[in-house]
């Protein structure tokens, strides 16, 4: 039986979050802020993407147009807890 390739896992967002998850083999796409998002989103459209991992705090800053577009199209967008929230508990 031939193995089906559904694409790669991507991680999108600010540098620290992206670097952390890329250690697990996800393809890193640094996108520091909302002004960078249209270019990052367009780059993902040209790739074979199975899912996109994003930080919850960062995802809130995505322009509404792109939030709607991401919800109705592939790939699956997965929000993970924010690193900033996790670090606050350790201070």
N, C-alpha and C. Protein backbone atom coordinates (compact mmCIF):
# COMPACT_ATOMS: atom_id res chain seq x y z
N UNK A 1 0.85 -1.17 0.00
CA UNK A 1 0.00 0.00 0.00
C UNK A 1 0.89 1.24 0.00
N UNK A 2 0.63 2.18 -0.90
CA UNK A 2 1.41 3.41 -0.99
C UNK A 2 1.05 4.35 0.15
N UNK A 3 2.06 5.00 0.68
CA UNK A 3 1.85 5.94 1.78
C UNK A 3 1.45 7.31 1.23
N UNK A 4 0.40 7.87 1.76
CA UNK A 4 -0.11 9.17 1.32
C UNK A 4 0.63 10.28 2.06
N UNK A 5 1.10 11.31 1.33
CA UNK A 5 1.75 12.46 1.95
C UNK A 5 0.74 13.59 2.04
N UNK A 6 0.39 13.99 3.24
CA UNK A 6 -0.57 15.06 3.43
C UNK A 6 0.09 16.41 3.65
N UNK A 7 1.38 16.49 3.49
CA UNK A 7 2.09 17.75 3.67
C UNK A 7 2.85 17.79 4.98
N UNK A 8 3.48 18.91 5.20
CA UNK A 8 4.30 19.13 6.39
C UNK A 8 3.53 19.89 7.46
N UNK A 9 4.01 19.78 8.68
CA UNK A 9 3.50 20.59 9.77
C UNK A 9 4.29 21.88 9.81
N UNK A 10 3.61 23.00 9.90
CA UNK A 10 4.25 24.31 9.95
C UNK A 10 3.96 24.96 11.29
N UNK A 11 4.87 25.82 11.71
CA UNK A 11 4.65 26.65 12.89
C UNK A 11 4.85 28.09 12.44
N UNK A 12 3.90 28.94 12.80
CA UNK A 12 3.87 30.31 12.32
C UNK A 12 3.71 31.25 13.51
N UNK A 13 4.51 32.30 13.56
CA UNK A 13 4.37 33.28 14.64
C UNK A 13 5.67 33.96 14.98
N UNK A 14 5.74 34.44 16.22
CA UNK A 14 6.92 35.17 16.70
C UNK A 14 8.11 34.21 16.87
N UNK A 15 9.29 34.79 16.78
CA UNK A 15 10.55 34.03 16.76
C UNK A 15 10.67 32.99 17.88
N UNK A 16 10.48 33.33 19.17
CA UNK A 16 10.68 32.32 20.23
C UNK A 16 9.75 31.11 20.09
N UNK A 17 8.48 31.38 19.78
CA UNK A 17 7.50 30.31 19.63
C UNK A 17 7.86 29.41 18.45
N UNK A 18 8.22 30.02 17.34
CA UNK A 18 8.58 29.28 16.13
C UNK A 18 9.83 28.43 16.36
N UNK A 19 10.84 28.99 17.00
CA UNK A 19 12.07 28.24 17.26
C UNK A 19 11.83 27.04 18.15
N UNK A 20 11.00 27.21 19.16
CA UNK A 20 10.70 26.11 20.08
C UNK A 20 10.08 24.94 19.34
N UNK A 21 9.04 25.19 18.57
CA UNK A 21 8.33 24.13 17.88
C UNK A 21 9.11 23.57 16.69
N UNK A 22 9.99 24.35 16.10
CA UNK A 22 10.79 23.84 14.98
C UNK A 22 11.78 22.77 15.46
N UNK A 23 12.10 22.77 16.75
CA UNK A 23 12.97 21.73 17.30
C UNK A 23 12.34 20.34 17.16
N UNK A 24 11.02 20.30 17.04
CA UNK A 24 10.31 19.03 16.88
C UNK A 24 10.10 18.66 15.41
N UNK A 25 10.70 19.44 14.52
CA UNK A 25 10.65 19.12 13.10
C UNK A 25 9.61 19.87 12.30
N UNK A 26 8.88 20.80 12.93
CA UNK A 26 7.92 21.59 12.17
C UNK A 26 8.66 22.61 11.32
N UNK A 27 8.10 22.95 10.18
CA UNK A 27 8.70 23.94 9.29
C UNK A 27 8.39 25.33 9.87
N UNK A 28 9.43 26.11 10.12
CA UNK A 28 9.30 27.41 10.78
C UNK A 28 9.04 28.53 9.78
N UNK A 29 8.04 29.36 10.11
CA UNK A 29 7.76 30.57 9.35
C UNK A 29 7.61 31.69 10.38
N UNK A 30 8.62 32.56 10.44
CA UNK A 30 8.58 33.67 11.40
C UNK A 30 7.70 34.77 10.82
N UNK A 31 6.76 35.20 11.63
CA UNK A 31 5.81 36.25 11.26
C UNK A 31 5.57 37.06 12.53
N UNK A 32 6.34 38.12 12.71
CA UNK A 32 6.34 38.85 13.98
C UNK A 32 5.06 39.59 14.30
N UNK A 33 4.37 40.11 13.29
CA UNK A 33 3.18 40.89 13.60
C UNK A 33 2.15 40.87 12.49
N UNK A 34 1.02 41.53 12.74
CA UNK A 34 -0.09 41.54 11.77
C UNK A 34 0.31 42.10 10.41
N UNK A 35 1.23 43.04 10.40
CA UNK A 35 1.65 43.63 9.12
C UNK A 35 2.42 42.63 8.25
N UNK A 36 3.02 41.62 8.87
CA UNK A 36 3.75 40.58 8.13
C UNK A 36 2.85 39.43 7.68
N UNK A 37 1.64 39.36 8.27
CA UNK A 37 0.81 38.18 8.05
C UNK A 37 0.40 37.93 6.59
N UNK A 38 0.00 38.94 5.82
CA UNK A 38 -0.39 38.65 4.43
C UNK A 38 0.70 37.91 3.64
N UNK A 39 1.94 38.32 3.79
CA UNK A 39 3.04 37.64 3.10
C UNK A 39 3.25 36.22 3.59
N UNK A 40 3.14 36.01 4.89
CA UNK A 40 3.29 34.67 5.47
C UNK A 40 2.15 33.76 5.02
N UNK A 41 0.94 34.30 5.00
CA UNK A 41 -0.22 33.52 4.58
C UNK A 41 -0.08 33.10 3.12
N UNK A 42 0.38 34.02 2.29
CA UNK A 42 0.57 33.73 0.87
C UNK A 42 1.63 32.64 0.68
N UNK A 43 2.71 32.71 1.48
CA UNK A 43 3.75 31.68 1.39
C UNK A 43 3.17 30.30 1.71
N UNK A 44 2.33 30.21 2.71
CA UNK A 44 1.73 28.92 3.08
C UNK A 44 0.83 28.37 1.98
N UNK A 45 0.20 29.27 1.23
CA UNK A 45 -0.69 28.82 0.16
C UNK A 45 0.07 28.08 -0.94
N UNK A 46 1.35 28.36 -1.08
CA UNK A 46 2.15 27.73 -2.11
C UNK A 46 2.87 26.46 -1.66
N UNK A 47 2.63 26.03 -0.44
CA UNK A 47 3.30 24.86 0.13
C UNK A 47 2.31 23.72 0.35
N UNK A 48 2.85 22.52 0.55
CA UNK A 48 2.02 21.39 0.96
C UNK A 48 1.97 21.37 2.48
N UNK A 49 0.88 21.85 3.04
CA UNK A 49 0.76 22.06 4.47
C UNK A 49 -0.33 21.15 5.04
N UNK A 50 0.03 20.34 6.03
CA UNK A 50 -0.94 19.48 6.71
C UNK A 50 -1.65 20.26 7.82
N UNK A 51 -0.86 21.04 8.58
CA UNK A 51 -1.43 21.87 9.65
C UNK A 51 -0.49 23.02 9.94
N UNK A 52 -1.05 24.06 10.57
CA UNK A 52 -0.27 25.23 10.97
C UNK A 52 -0.48 25.42 12.46
N UNK A 53 0.60 25.42 13.21
CA UNK A 53 0.57 25.62 14.65
C UNK A 53 0.84 27.10 14.92
N UNK A 54 -0.03 27.74 15.72
CA UNK A 54 0.14 29.15 16.05
C UNK A 54 -0.06 29.35 17.56
N UNK A 55 0.52 30.41 18.07
CA UNK A 55 0.40 30.78 19.48
C UNK A 55 -0.91 31.55 19.67
N UNK A 56 -1.68 31.22 20.69
CA UNK A 56 -3.01 31.81 20.87
C UNK A 56 -2.98 33.33 20.96
N UNK A 57 -2.07 33.91 21.73
CA UNK A 57 -1.99 35.38 21.84
C UNK A 57 -1.67 36.01 20.49
N UNK A 58 -0.77 35.39 19.77
CA UNK A 58 -0.37 35.90 18.46
C UNK A 58 -1.53 35.79 17.48
N UNK A 59 -2.27 34.70 17.53
CA UNK A 59 -3.38 34.47 16.60
C UNK A 59 -4.47 35.53 16.74
N UNK A 60 -4.61 36.11 17.92
CA UNK A 60 -5.60 37.16 18.12
C UNK A 60 -5.31 38.39 17.27
N UNK A 61 -4.05 38.60 16.89
CA UNK A 61 -3.68 39.78 16.12
C UNK A 61 -3.81 39.60 14.61
N UNK A 62 -4.16 38.39 14.17
CA UNK A 62 -4.33 38.14 12.73
C UNK A 62 -5.51 38.98 12.22
N UNK A 63 -5.34 39.68 11.10
CA UNK A 63 -6.46 40.44 10.54
C UNK A 63 -7.68 39.55 10.31
N UNK A 64 -8.86 40.09 10.60
CA UNK A 64 -10.12 39.32 10.55
C UNK A 64 -10.34 38.64 9.20
N UNK A 65 -10.00 39.29 8.13
CA UNK A 65 -10.16 38.71 6.79
C UNK A 65 -9.44 37.37 6.69
N UNK A 66 -8.21 37.32 7.20
CA UNK A 66 -7.41 36.09 7.13
C UNK A 66 -7.91 35.04 8.11
N UNK A 67 -8.44 35.46 9.26
CA UNK A 67 -9.00 34.50 10.20
C UNK A 67 -10.14 33.73 9.55
N UNK A 68 -11.03 34.46 8.86
CA UNK A 68 -12.15 33.81 8.19
C UNK A 68 -11.68 32.91 7.06
N UNK A 69 -10.71 33.40 6.30
CA UNK A 69 -10.18 32.61 5.19
C UNK A 69 -9.53 31.31 5.68
N UNK A 70 -8.80 31.38 6.79
CA UNK A 70 -8.14 30.21 7.35
C UNK A 70 -9.15 29.18 7.85
N UNK A 71 -10.28 29.64 8.38
CA UNK A 71 -11.29 28.72 8.92
C UNK A 71 -12.00 27.92 7.83
N UNK A 72 -12.12 28.49 6.63
CA UNK A 72 -12.90 27.81 5.59
C UNK A 72 -12.02 27.06 4.59
N UNK A 73 -10.72 27.08 4.78
CA UNK A 73 -9.84 26.40 3.83
C UNK A 73 -8.87 25.48 4.56
N UNK A 74 -8.23 24.63 3.78
CA UNK A 74 -7.15 23.81 4.33
C UNK A 74 -5.91 24.68 4.39
N UNK A 75 -5.02 24.44 5.24
CA UNK A 75 -4.88 23.37 6.22
C UNK A 75 -5.60 23.70 7.53
N UNK A 76 -5.46 22.79 8.47
CA UNK A 76 -6.01 22.98 9.81
C UNK A 76 -5.08 23.93 10.58
N UNK A 77 -5.66 24.91 11.24
CA UNK A 77 -4.91 25.84 12.09
C UNK A 77 -5.11 25.43 13.54
N UNK A 78 -4.02 25.20 14.25
CA UNK A 78 -4.08 24.73 15.63
C UNK A 78 -3.48 25.80 16.54
N UNK A 79 -4.30 26.30 17.48
CA UNK A 79 -3.81 27.29 18.43
C UNK A 79 -3.28 26.60 19.68
N UNK A 80 -2.06 26.98 20.05
CA UNK A 80 -1.43 26.46 21.26
C UNK A 80 -1.38 27.57 22.30
N UNK A 81 -1.31 27.22 23.58
CA UNK A 81 -1.21 28.25 24.62
C UNK A 81 0.00 29.16 24.38
N UNK A 82 -0.16 30.38 24.78
CA UNK A 82 0.88 31.38 24.58
C UNK A 82 2.09 31.12 25.46
N UNK A 83 3.26 31.36 24.93
CA UNK A 83 4.48 31.26 25.74
C UNK A 83 4.50 32.35 26.80
N UNK A 84 3.98 33.50 26.47
CA UNK A 84 3.98 34.61 27.44
C UNK A 84 3.18 34.26 28.68
N UNK A 85 2.05 33.61 28.52
CA UNK A 85 1.24 33.19 29.66
C UNK A 85 1.96 32.14 30.49
N UNK A 86 2.68 31.24 29.82
CA UNK A 86 3.41 30.18 30.50
C UNK A 86 4.58 30.75 31.30
N UNK A 87 5.22 31.76 30.78
CA UNK A 87 6.38 32.35 31.44
C UNK A 87 5.98 33.21 32.64
N UNK A 88 4.78 33.80 32.61
CA UNK A 88 4.34 34.64 33.71
C UNK A 88 4.22 33.84 35.01
N UNK A 89 3.82 32.59 34.91
CA UNK A 89 3.66 31.76 36.10
C UNK A 89 4.98 31.39 36.75
N UNK A 90 6.08 31.54 36.04
CA UNK A 90 7.40 31.17 36.57
C UNK A 90 8.14 32.34 37.18
N UNK A 91 7.58 33.53 37.07
CA UNK A 91 8.27 34.71 37.60
C UNK A 91 8.11 34.81 39.09
